[in-house]
Amino acid sequence: MENNPIFFADGADSKMIAAYQKAQETFKYFWREQSWEYRRIIPGLNVSCVKIAFTQEDSGSEHPIVEHMWINKIDFDGDHIKGYLINEPNELTNIQVGDYVEVPLNEISDWLFAITPSTKKATGLSKLFSSSADPLPKTYGGFTIQKMRSDMSPSEKKDHDNAWQLDFGDFNDIEVVHEQKENPENLLEHPMSKNMQENLVKFLQDHPDELINADDNGLTLLHKETIAGNRSCVETILAAGADKNKQTNKGKTALDFAKQLNWEHLIPILEN
């Protein structure tokens, strides 16, 4: 990712603005996937990053300099997205590669993750001998990228995709969760949430304090699983005795996050 070119776009373009809005509305799916990625023993994501519009005042113009660049190592507390810049700025001097970034959700312009279609990923020496015909990682999200691809000629699109070494597919058909077409139910529930439910029951039986422990922001396990949209986890945590009215340092309950992120399948569970 660090060596990929930055493709600039006109922020005044109505379709690009619509892409920004779509990215913000669906970011919850990115975070759901990322939250499970942090728990995997073997990484499943080939790419995982968020795009932000960085600005700087321009002494020679009344308009600020704007560059849309990517951050990775993403964290999310339900309100703010955090990470580290992975692009080299073209003109900006107020930020550089590796800088820590924290912005509210409504200031991101895109998100992207990619997963290799094959269930068996090449690692170590096997990568050296993998076939050139191996499938490229399939992308999810990337709304601004797909808008730009829609304006490209076939040759430009090919050059763009080769620069990323990713399978962007059809710019008119953007998916937001892995295997969305094969398993539409994945929109409602991440497979790992269901598959790990029995383990979570056992974990909470062995570690009951995890129901009340909170991080520096006051986020409990219930808050975090709600933010990630994990219904099976939320149901298990509530059944184990978690206080659904527990508030964060900013006074937010799990229900507040469910409504804020529009996790419609969690709202009835937390309201009852």
C-alpha atoms as a PDB file:
ATOM      1  CA  MET A   1       0.000   0.000   0.000  1.00  0.00           C
ATOM      2  CA  GLU A   2       2.766   2.456   0.899  1.00  0.00           C
ATOM      3  CA  ASN A   3       4.037   2.558  -2.691  1.00  0.00           C
ATOM      4  CA  ASN A   4       0.659   2.840  -4.386  1.00  0.00           C
ATOM      5  CA  PRO A   5       0.044   6.108  -6.198  1.00  0.00           C
ATOM      6  CA  ILE A   6      -2.438   8.632  -4.859  1.00  0.00           C
ATOM      7  CA  PHE A   7      -5.279   9.225  -7.301  1.00  0.00           C
ATOM      8  CA  PHE A   8      -6.746  12.688  -6.869  1.00  0.00           C
ATOM      9  CA  ALA A   9     -10.398  13.510  -7.463  1.00  0.00           C
ATOM     10  CA  ASP A  10     -12.561  16.612  -7.625  1.00  0.00           C
ATOM     11  CA  GLY A  11     -14.383  16.828  -4.295  1.00  0.00           C
ATOM     12  CA  ALA A  12     -17.047  19.029  -5.890  1.00  0.00           C
ATOM     13  CA  ASP A  13     -18.193  16.149  -8.123  1.00  0.00           C
ATOM     14  CA  SER A  14     -21.669  15.118  -6.923  1.00  0.00           C
ATOM     15  CA  LYS A  15     -20.962  11.442  -7.541  1.00  0.00           C
ATOM     16  CA  MET A  16     -17.743  11.673  -5.549  1.00  0.00           C
ATOM     17  CA  ILE A  17     -19.568  13.352  -2.669  1.00  0.00           C
ATOM     18  CA  ALA A  18     -22.116  10.523  -2.815  1.00  0.00           C
ATOM     19  CA  ALA A  19     -19.202   8.073  -2.591  1.00  0.00           C
ATOM     20  CA  TYR A  20     -17.939   9.834   0.557  1.00  0.00           C
ATOM     21  CA  GLN A  21     -21.382   9.558   2.114  1.00  0.00           C
ATOM     22  CA  LYS A  22     -21.721   5.892   1.207  1.00  0.00           C
ATOM     23  CA  ALA A  23     -18.339   5.158   2.759  1.00  0.00           C
ATOM     24  CA  GLN A  24     -19.380   6.842   6.002  1.00  0.00           C
ATOM     25  CA  GLU A  25     -22.733   5.032   6.095  1.00  0.00           C
ATOM     26  CA  THR A  26     -21.151   1.611   5.571  1.00  0.00           C
ATOM     27  CA  PHE A  27     -17.964   2.037   7.595  1.00  0.00           C
ATOM     28  CA  LYS A  28     -19.534  -0.145  10.290  1.00  0.00           C
ATOM     29  CA  TYR A  29     -19.039  -3.160   8.031  1.00  0.00           C
ATOM     30  CA  PHE A  30     -15.370  -2.320   7.623  1.00  0.00           C
ATOM     31  CA  TRP A  31     -14.974  -2.095  11.380  1.00  0.00           C
ATOM     32  CA  ARG A  32     -16.859  -5.347  11.950  1.00  0.00           C
ATOM     33  CA  GLU A  33     -14.423  -7.151   9.656  1.00  0.00           C
ATOM     34  CA  GLN A  34     -11.409  -5.367  11.144  1.00  0.00           C
ATOM     35  CA  SER A  35     -12.467  -6.175  14.707  1.00  0.00           C
ATOM     36  CA  TRP A  36     -12.478  -9.879  13.851  1.00  0.00           C
ATOM     37  CA  GLU A  37      -9.194  -9.571  12.001  1.00  0.00           C
ATOM     38  CA  TYR A  38      -7.521  -8.488  15.247  1.00  0.00           C
ATOM     39  CA  ARG A  39      -8.691 -11.752  16.852  1.00  0.00           C
ATOM     40  CA  ARG A  40      -7.546 -14.079  14.088  1.00  0.00           C
ATOM     41  CA  ILE A  41      -4.447 -16.171  14.690  1.00  0.00           C
ATOM     42  CA  ILE A  42      -3.789 -16.231  10.941  1.00  0.00           C
ATOM     43  CA  PRO A  43      -4.501 -12.873   9.244  1.00  0.00           C
ATOM     44  CA  GLY A  44      -7.328 -12.941   6.715  1.00  0.00           C
ATOM     45  CA  LEU A  45      -7.139  -9.450   5.215  1.00  0.00           C
ATOM     46  CA  ASN A  46      -4.629  -8.569   2.502  1.00  0.00           C
ATOM     47  CA  VAL A  47      -5.457  -4.863   2.696  1.00  0.00           C
ATOM     48  CA  SER A  48      -7.291  -2.838   5.328  1.00  0.00           C
ATOM     49  CA  CYS A  49      -7.284   0.959   5.268  1.00  0.00           C
ATOM     50  CA  VAL A  50      -9.372   4.118   5.515  1.00  0.00           C
ATOM     51  CA  LYS A  51      -9.123   7.246   3.360  1.00  0.00           C
ATOM     52  CA  ILE A  52      -9.223  10.726   4.884  1.00  0.00           C
ATOM     53  CA  ALA A  53      -9.162  14.196   3.346  1.00  0.00           C
ATOM     54  CA  PHE A  54      -6.162  16.037   4.779  1.00  0.00           C
ATOM     55  CA  THR A  55      -6.045  19.817   4.425  1.00  0.00           C
ATOM     56  CA  GLN A  56      -3.553  22.625   4.804  1.00  0.00           C
ATOM     57  CA  GLU A  57      -3.854  26.368   4.272  1.00  0.00           C
ATOM     58  CA  ASP A  58      -2.253  27.589   1.042  1.00  0.00           C
ATOM     59  CA  SER A  59      -0.641  31.031   1.327  1.00  0.00           C
ATOM     60  CA  GLY A  60      -0.899  31.500  -2.428  1.00  0.00           C
ATOM     61  CA  SER A  61      -4.598  30.724  -2.678  1.00  0.00           C
ATOM     62  CA  GLU A  62      -7.867  31.301  -0.875  1.00  0.00           C
ATOM     63  CA  HIS A  63      -8.531  27.571  -1.098  1.00  0.00           C
ATOM     64  CA  PRO A  64      -6.722  25.056   1.130  1.00  0.00           C
ATOM     65  CA  ILE A  65      -4.612  22.238  -0.245  1.00  0.00           C
ATOM     66  CA  VAL A  66      -6.519  18.962   0.001  1.00  0.00           C
ATOM     67  CA  GLU A  67      -5.130  15.459  -0.391  1.00  0.00           C
ATOM     68  CA  HIS A  68      -7.082  12.248   0.145  1.00  0.00           C
ATOM     69  CA  MET A  69      -4.724   9.705   1.693  1.00  0.00           C
ATOM     70  CA  TRP A  70      -4.941   6.364   3.445  1.00  0.00           C
ATOM     71  CA  ILE A  71      -4.370   5.309   7.043  1.00  0.00           C
ATOM     72  CA  ASN A  72      -4.033   1.768   8.397  1.00  0.00           C
ATOM     73  CA  LYS A  73      -3.758  -0.041  11.760  1.00  0.00           C
ATOM     74  CA  ILE A  74      -7.295   1.181  12.287  1.00  0.00           C
ATOM     75  CA  ASP A  75      -9.027   1.514  15.632  1.00  0.00           C
ATOM     76  CA  PHE A  76     -12.581   2.746  16.246  1.00  0.00           C
ATOM     77  CA  ASP A  77     -14.329   3.694  19.475  1.00  0.00           C
ATOM     78  CA  GLY A  78     -17.770   4.254  17.973  1.00  0.00           C
ATOM     79  CA  ASP A  79     -17.114   7.946  17.389  1.00  0.00           C
ATOM     80  CA  HIS A  80     -13.556   8.422  16.155  1.00  0.00           C
ATOM     81  CA  ILE A  81     -11.426   6.503  13.667  1.00  0.00           C
ATOM     82  CA  LYS A  82      -7.737   6.240  14.455  1.00  0.00           C
ATOM     83  CA  GLY A  83      -4.734   5.042  12.503  1.00  0.00           C
ATOM     84  CA  TYR A  84      -1.395   5.870  10.881  1.00  0.00           C
ATOM     85  CA  LEU A  85      -0.772   7.604   7.555  1.00  0.00           C
ATOM     86  CA  ILE A  86       0.675   5.253   4.925  1.00  0.00           C
ATOM     87  CA  ASN A  87       0.915   7.615   1.916  1.00  0.00           C
ATOM     88  CA  GLU A  88       3.676  10.112   1.212  1.00  0.00           C
ATOM     89  CA  PRO A  89       1.956  13.517   0.862  1.00  0.00           C
ATOM     90  CA  ASN A  90       2.316  15.155  -2.534  1.00  0.00           C
ATOM     91  CA  GLU A  91       2.037  18.787  -1.401  1.00  0.00           C
ATOM     92  CA  LEU A  92       1.109  18.829   2.274  1.00  0.00           C
ATOM     93  CA  THR A  93       3.838  19.630   4.758  1.00  0.00           C
ATOM     94  CA  ASN A  94       1.807  19.420   7.969  1.00  0.00           C
ATOM     95  CA  ILE A  95       1.728  15.613   7.996  1.00  0.00           C
ATOM     96  CA  GLN A  96       4.018  12.775   6.959  1.00  0.00           C
ATOM     97  CA  VAL A  97       4.073   9.018   6.600  1.00  0.00           C
ATOM     98  CA  GLY A  98       3.689   7.284   9.947  1.00  0.00           C
ATOM     99  CA  ASP A  99       1.881  10.121  11.704  1.00  0.00           C
ATOM    100  CA  TYR A 100      -0.960   9.161  14.033  1.00  0.00           C
ATOM    101  CA  VAL A 101      -4.361  10.359  12.872  1.00  0.00           C
ATOM    102  CA  GLU A 102      -7.709  10.603  14.676  1.00  0.00           C
ATOM    103  CA  VAL A 103     -10.879  11.898  12.998  1.00  0.00           C
ATOM    104  CA  PRO A 104     -14.640  11.589  13.572  1.00  0.00           C
ATOM    105  CA  LEU A 105     -16.517   9.129  11.396  1.00  0.00           C
ATOM    106  CA  ASN A 106     -18.141  11.888   9.347  1.00  0.00           C
ATOM    107  CA  GLU A 107     -14.732  13.045   8.089  1.00  0.00           C
ATOM    108  CA  ILE A 108     -13.617   9.886   6.291  1.00  0.00           C
ATOM    109  CA  SER A 109     -13.902   9.723   2.501  1.00  0.00           C
ATOM    110  CA  ASP A 110     -13.535   5.980   1.917  1.00  0.00           C
ATOM    111  CA  TRP A 111     -12.618   2.588   3.321  1.00  0.00           C
ATOM    112  CA  LEU A 112     -11.283  -0.572   1.753  1.00  0.00           C
ATOM    113  CA  PHE A 113     -10.444  -4.106   2.699  1.00  0.00           C
ATOM    114  CA  ALA A 114      -9.452  -7.011   0.484  1.00  0.00           C
ATOM    115  CA  ILE A 115      -9.466 -10.775   0.918  1.00  0.00           C
ATOM    116  CA  THR A 116      -7.925 -13.391  -1.365  1.00  0.00           C
ATOM    117  CA  PRO A 117     -10.765 -15.581  -2.687  1.00  0.00           C
ATOM    118  CA  SER A 118      -8.813 -18.759  -2.059  1.00  0.00           C
ATOM    119  CA  THR A 119      -9.328 -20.227   1.408  1.00  0.00           C
ATOM    120  CA  LYS A 120      -5.656 -21.152   1.464  1.00  0.00           C
ATOM    121  CA  LYS A 121      -3.321 -18.192   1.407  1.00  0.00           C
ATOM    122  CA  ALA A 122       0.293 -18.501   0.303  1.00  0.00           C
ATOM    123  CA  THR A 123       2.793 -17.612   3.010  1.00  0.00           C
ATOM    124  CA  GLY A 124       6.554 -17.694   3.413  1.00  0.00           C
ATOM    125  CA  LEU A 125       8.414 -19.664   0.740  1.00  0.00           C
ATOM    126  CA  SER A 126       5.179 -20.786  -0.876  1.00  0.00           C
ATOM    127  CA  LYS A 127       4.658 -17.218  -2.054  1.00  0.00           C
ATOM    128  CA  LEU A 128       7.826 -17.448  -4.125  1.00  0.00           C
ATOM    129  CA  PHE A 129       6.469 -20.393  -6.052  1.00  0.00           C
ATOM    130  CA  SER A 130       2.807 -19.405  -6.268  1.00  0.00           C
ATOM    131  CA  SER A 131       1.273 -19.417  -9.732  1.00  0.00           C
ATOM    132  CA  SER A 132       0.874 -16.143 -11.589  1.00  0.00           C
ATOM    133  CA  ALA A 133      -2.695 -17.303 -12.145  1.00  0.00           C
ATOM    134  CA  ASP A 134      -3.466 -17.126  -8.418  1.00  0.00           C
ATOM    135  CA  PRO A 135      -6.512 -14.902  -7.877  1.00  0.00           C
ATOM    136  CA  LEU A 136      -5.919 -11.338  -6.799  1.00  0.00           C
ATOM    137  CA  PRO A 137      -7.426 -10.221  -3.483  1.00  0.00           C
ATOM    138  CA  LYS A 138     -11.056  -9.159  -3.936  1.00  0.00           C
ATOM    139  CA  THR A 139     -11.940  -5.682  -2.689  1.00  0.00           C
ATOM    140  CA  TYR A 140     -14.833  -4.518  -0.540  1.00  0.00           C
ATOM    141  CA  GLY A 141     -15.814  -0.871  -0.163  1.00  0.00           C
ATOM    142  CA  GLY A 142     -13.570   1.475  -2.108  1.00  0.00           C
ATOM    143  CA  PHE A 143     -16.432   3.761  -3.159  1.00  0.00           C
ATOM    144  CA  THR A 144     -14.261   6.675  -4.296  1.00  0.00           C
ATOM    145  CA  ILE A 145     -11.950   4.288  -6.105  1.00  0.00           C
ATOM    146  CA  GLN A 146     -14.858   2.759  -7.976  1.00  0.00           C
ATOM    147  CA  LYS A 147     -16.180   6.203  -8.875  1.00  0.00           C
ATOM    148  CA  MET A 148     -12.791   7.085 -10.359  1.00  0.00           C
ATOM    149  CA  ARG A 149     -12.612   3.729 -12.159  1.00  0.00           C
ATOM    150  CA  SER A 150     -15.988   4.452 -13.725  1.00  0.00           C
ATOM    151  CA  ASP A 151     -14.452   7.520 -15.398  1.00  0.00           C
ATOM    152  CA  MET A 152     -11.399   5.657 -16.730  1.00  0.00           C
ATOM    153  CA  SER A 153     -10.828   4.138 -20.134  1.00  0.00           C
ATOM    154  CA  PRO A 154     -10.217   0.363 -20.200  1.00  0.00           C
ATOM    155  CA  SER A 155      -6.448   0.889 -20.454  1.00  0.00           C
ATOM    156  CA  GLU A 156      -6.432   3.429 -17.603  1.00  0.00           C
ATOM    157  CA  LYS A 157      -8.486   1.069 -15.478  1.00  0.00           C
ATOM    158  CA  LYS A 158      -6.041  -1.744 -16.175  1.00  0.00           C
ATOM    159  CA  ASP A 159      -3.067   0.429 -15.197  1.00  0.00           C
ATOM    160  CA  HIS A 160      -4.862   1.554 -12.044  1.00  0.00           C
ATOM    161  CA  ASP A 161      -5.723  -1.995 -10.983  1.00  0.00           C
ATOM    162  CA  ASN A 162      -2.210  -3.223 -11.748  1.00  0.00           C
ATOM    163  CA  ALA A 163      -0.807  -0.479  -9.509  1.00  0.00           C
ATOM    164  CA  TRP A 164      -2.907  -1.772  -6.627  1.00  0.00           C
ATOM    165  CA  GLN A 165      -2.637  -5.479  -7.505  1.00  0.00           C
ATOM    166  CA  LEU A 166      -6.213  -5.956  -6.370  1.00  0.00           C
ATOM    167  CA  ASP A 167      -9.391  -7.232  -8.006  1.00  0.00           C
ATOM    168  CA  PHE A 168     -11.788  -4.270  -7.910  1.00  0.00           C
ATOM    169  CA  GLY A 169     -14.428  -6.052  -9.978  1.00  0.00           C
ATOM    170  CA  ASP A 170     -17.395  -4.127 -11.364  1.00  0.00           C
ATOM    171  CA  PHE A 171     -17.567  -0.466 -10.312  1.00  0.00           C
ATOM    172  CA  ASN A 172     -21.364  -0.710 -10.502  1.00  0.00           C
ATOM    173  CA  ASP A 173     -21.507  -3.578  -8.013  1.00  0.00           C
ATOM    174  CA  ILE A 174     -19.723  -2.704  -4.765  1.00  0.00           C
ATOM    175  CA  GLU A 175     -19.884  -5.239  -1.944  1.00  0.00           C
ATOM    176  CA  VAL A 176     -19.362  -4.322   1.714  1.00  0.00           C
ATOM    177  CA  VAL A 177     -19.034  -7.732   3.379  1.00  0.00           C
ATOM    178  CA  HIS A 178     -17.096 -10.859   2.452  1.00  0.00           C
ATOM    179  CA  GLU A 179     -19.087 -13.369   0.372  1.00  0.00           C
ATOM    180  CA  GLN A 180     -22.048 -10.997   0.333  1.00  0.00           C
ATOM    181  CA  LYS A 181     -23.572 -12.600  -2.748  1.00  0.00           C
ATOM    182  CA  GLU A 182     -22.843 -16.188  -1.769  1.00  0.00           C
ATOM    183  CA  ASN A 183     -24.116 -15.679   1.777  1.00  0.00           C
ATOM    184  CA  PRO A 184     -26.438 -12.638   2.027  1.00  0.00           C
ATOM    185  CA  GLU A 185     -26.951 -13.376   5.716  1.00  0.00           C
ATOM    186  CA  ASN A 186     -23.409 -12.114   6.273  1.00  0.00           C
ATOM    187  CA  LEU A 187     -24.836  -8.590   6.070  1.00  0.00           C
ATOM    188  CA  LEU A 188     -26.676  -9.231   9.332  1.00  0.00           C
ATOM    189  CA  GLU A 189     -24.095 -11.302  11.170  1.00  0.00           C
ATOM    190  CA  HIS A 190     -20.401 -11.979  10.727  1.00  0.00           C
ATOM    191  CA  PRO A 191     -19.801 -15.755  10.521  1.00  0.00           C
ATOM    192  CA  MET A 192     -17.168 -15.590  13.253  1.00  0.00           C
ATOM    193  CA  SER A 193     -19.679 -14.039  15.670  1.00  0.00           C
ATOM    194  CA  LYS A 194     -21.866 -17.118  15.392  1.00  0.00           C
ATOM    195  CA  ASN A 195     -19.000 -19.593  15.251  1.00  0.00           C
ATOM    196  CA  MET A 196     -17.314 -18.174  18.367  1.00  0.00           C
ATOM    197  CA  GLN A 197     -20.458 -17.940  20.490  1.00  0.00           C
ATOM    198  CA  GLU A 198     -19.801 -21.161  22.414  1.00  0.00           C
ATOM    199  CA  ASN A 199     -16.243 -20.072  23.157  1.00  0.00           C
ATOM    200  CA  LEU A 200     -17.491 -16.704  24.386  1.00  0.00           C
ATOM    201  CA  VAL A 201     -19.943 -18.386  26.767  1.00  0.00           C
ATOM    202  CA  LYS A 202     -17.081 -20.410  28.253  1.00  0.00           C
ATOM    203  CA  PHE A 203     -14.792 -17.355  28.374  1.00  0.00           C
ATOM    204  CA  LEU A 204     -17.315 -15.305  30.334  1.00  0.00           C
ATOM    205  CA  GLN A 205     -17.953 -18.172  32.723  1.00  0.00           C
ATOM    206  CA  ASP A 206     -14.221 -18.349  33.430  1.00  0.00           C
ATOM    207  CA  HIS A 207     -13.688 -14.571  33.450  1.00  0.00           C
ATOM    208  CA  PRO A 208     -16.867 -12.912  34.804  1.00  0.00           C
ATOM    209  CA  ASP A 209     -15.002  -9.667  35.504  1.00  0.00           C
ATOM    210  CA  GLU A 210     -14.846  -9.111  31.735  1.00  0.00           C
ATOM    211  CA  LEU A 211     -18.513  -8.157  31.916  1.00  0.00           C
ATOM    212  CA  ILE A 212     -17.715  -5.053  33.974  1.00  0.00           C
ATOM    213  CA  ASN A 213     -14.167  -4.218  32.933  1.00  0.00           C
ATOM    214  CA  ALA A 214     -13.818  -1.082  30.800  1.00  0.00           C
ATOM    215  CA  ASP A 215     -10.983   0.512  28.830  1.00  0.00           C
ATOM    216  CA  ASP A 216      -9.676   4.051  29.250  1.00  0.00           C
ATOM    217  CA  ASN A 217     -12.672   5.402  27.322  1.00  0.00           C
ATOM    218  CA  GLY A 218     -15.143   3.508  29.486  1.00  0.00           C
ATOM    219  CA  LEU A 219     -15.954   1.007  26.743  1.00  0.00           C
ATOM    220  CA  THR A 220     -17.021  -2.388  28.076  1.00  0.00           C
ATOM    221  CA  LEU A 221     -17.141  -5.649  26.168  1.00  0.00           C
ATOM    222  CA  LEU A 222     -20.829  -5.012  25.479  1.00  0.00           C
ATOM    223  CA  HIS A 223     -20.069  -1.578  24.030  1.00  0.00           C
ATOM    224  CA  LYS A 224     -17.328  -2.976  21.798  1.00  0.00           C
ATOM    225  CA  GLU A 225     -19.345  -5.883  20.437  1.00  0.00           C
ATOM    226  CA  THR A 226     -22.274  -3.549  19.804  1.00  0.00           C
ATOM    227  CA  ILE A 227     -20.051  -1.121  17.896  1.00  0.00           C
ATOM    228  CA  ALA A 228     -18.877  -4.074  15.784  1.00  0.00           C
ATOM    229  CA  GLY A 229     -22.452  -5.210  15.157  1.00  0.00           C
ATOM    230  CA  ASN A 230     -21.957  -8.722  16.542  1.00  0.00           C
ATOM    231  CA  ARG A 231     -25.446  -9.917  17.452  1.00  0.00           C
ATOM    232  CA  SER A 232     -24.495 -13.359  18.790  1.00  0.00           C
ATOM    233  CA  CYS A 233     -21.820 -11.806  20.984  1.00  0.00           C
ATOM    234  CA  VAL A 234     -24.183  -9.121  22.286  1.00  0.00           C
ATOM    235  CA  GLU A 235     -26.843 -11.709  23.120  1.00  0.00           C
ATOM    236  CA  THR A 236     -24.287 -13.883  24.913  1.00  0.00           C
ATOM    237  CA  ILE A 237     -22.899 -10.966  26.925  1.00  0.00           C
ATOM    238  CA  LEU A 238     -26.368  -9.848  27.997  1.00  0.00           C
ATOM    239  CA  ALA A 239     -27.335 -13.410  28.929  1.00  0.00           C
ATOM    240  CA  ALA A 240     -24.217 -13.570  31.106  1.00  0.00           C
ATOM    241  CA  GLY A 241     -25.454 -10.593  33.122  1.00  0.00           C
ATOM    242  CA  ALA A 242     -23.873  -7.492  31.554  1.00  0.00           C
ATOM    243  CA  ASP A 243     -25.457  -4.154  32.433  1.00  0.00           C
ATOM    244  CA  LYS A 244     -26.862  -2.796  29.163  1.00  0.00           C
ATOM    245  CA  ASN A 245     -27.290   0.632  30.789  1.00  0.00           C
ATOM    246  CA  LYS A 246     -23.588   0.990  31.560  1.00  0.00           C
ATOM    247  CA  GLN A 247     -22.270   4.269  30.144  1.00  0.00           C
ATOM    248  CA  THR A 248     -18.907   5.177  28.649  1.00  0.00           C
ATOM    249  CA  ASN A 249     -16.894   8.171  29.820  1.00  0.00           C
ATOM    250  CA  LYS A 250     -18.921  10.215  27.320  1.00  0.00           C
ATOM    251  CA  GLY A 251     -22.214   8.945  28.706  1.00  0.00           C
ATOM    252  CA  LYS A 252     -23.110   6.511  25.926  1.00  0.00           C
ATOM    253  CA  THR A 253     -24.787   3.148  26.357  1.00  0.00           C
ATOM    254  CA  ALA A 254     -24.552   0.192  24.001  1.00  0.00           C
ATOM    255  CA  LEU A 255     -27.993   1.140  22.681  1.00  0.00           C
ATOM    256  CA  ASP A 256     -26.718   4.623  21.876  1.00  0.00           C
ATOM    257  CA  PHE A 257     -23.997   3.090  19.682  1.00  0.00           C
ATOM    258  CA  ALA A 258     -26.437   0.673  18.035  1.00  0.00           C
ATOM    259  CA  LYS A 259     -28.663   3.600  17.044  1.00  0.00           C
ATOM    260  CA  GLN A 260     -25.760   5.837  16.102  1.00  0.00           C
ATOM    261  CA  LEU A 261     -24.294   3.236  13.740  1.00  0.00           C
ATOM    262  CA  ASN A 262     -27.712   2.030  12.587  1.00  0.00           C
ATOM    263  CA  TRP A 263     -27.206  -1.587  13.648  1.00  0.00           C
ATOM    264  CA  GLU A 264     -30.920  -2.272  13.295  1.00  0.00           C
ATOM    265  CA  HIS A 265     -30.628  -5.929  14.319  1.00  0.00           C
ATOM    266  CA  LEU A 266     -29.184  -4.924  17.712  1.00  0.00           C
ATOM    267  CA  ILE A 267     -31.560  -2.119  18.677  1.00  0.00           C
ATOM    268  CA  PRO A 268     -34.500  -4.379  19.743  1.00  0.00           C
ATOM    269  CA  ILE A 269     -32.159  -6.596  21.765  1.00  0.00           C
ATOM    270  CA  LEU A 270     -30.749  -3.636  23.688  1.00  0.00           C
ATOM    271  CA  GLU A 271     -34.096  -1.885  24.123  1.00  0.00           C
ATOM    272  CA  ASN A 272     -35.809  -4.853  25.802  1.00  0.00           C
END
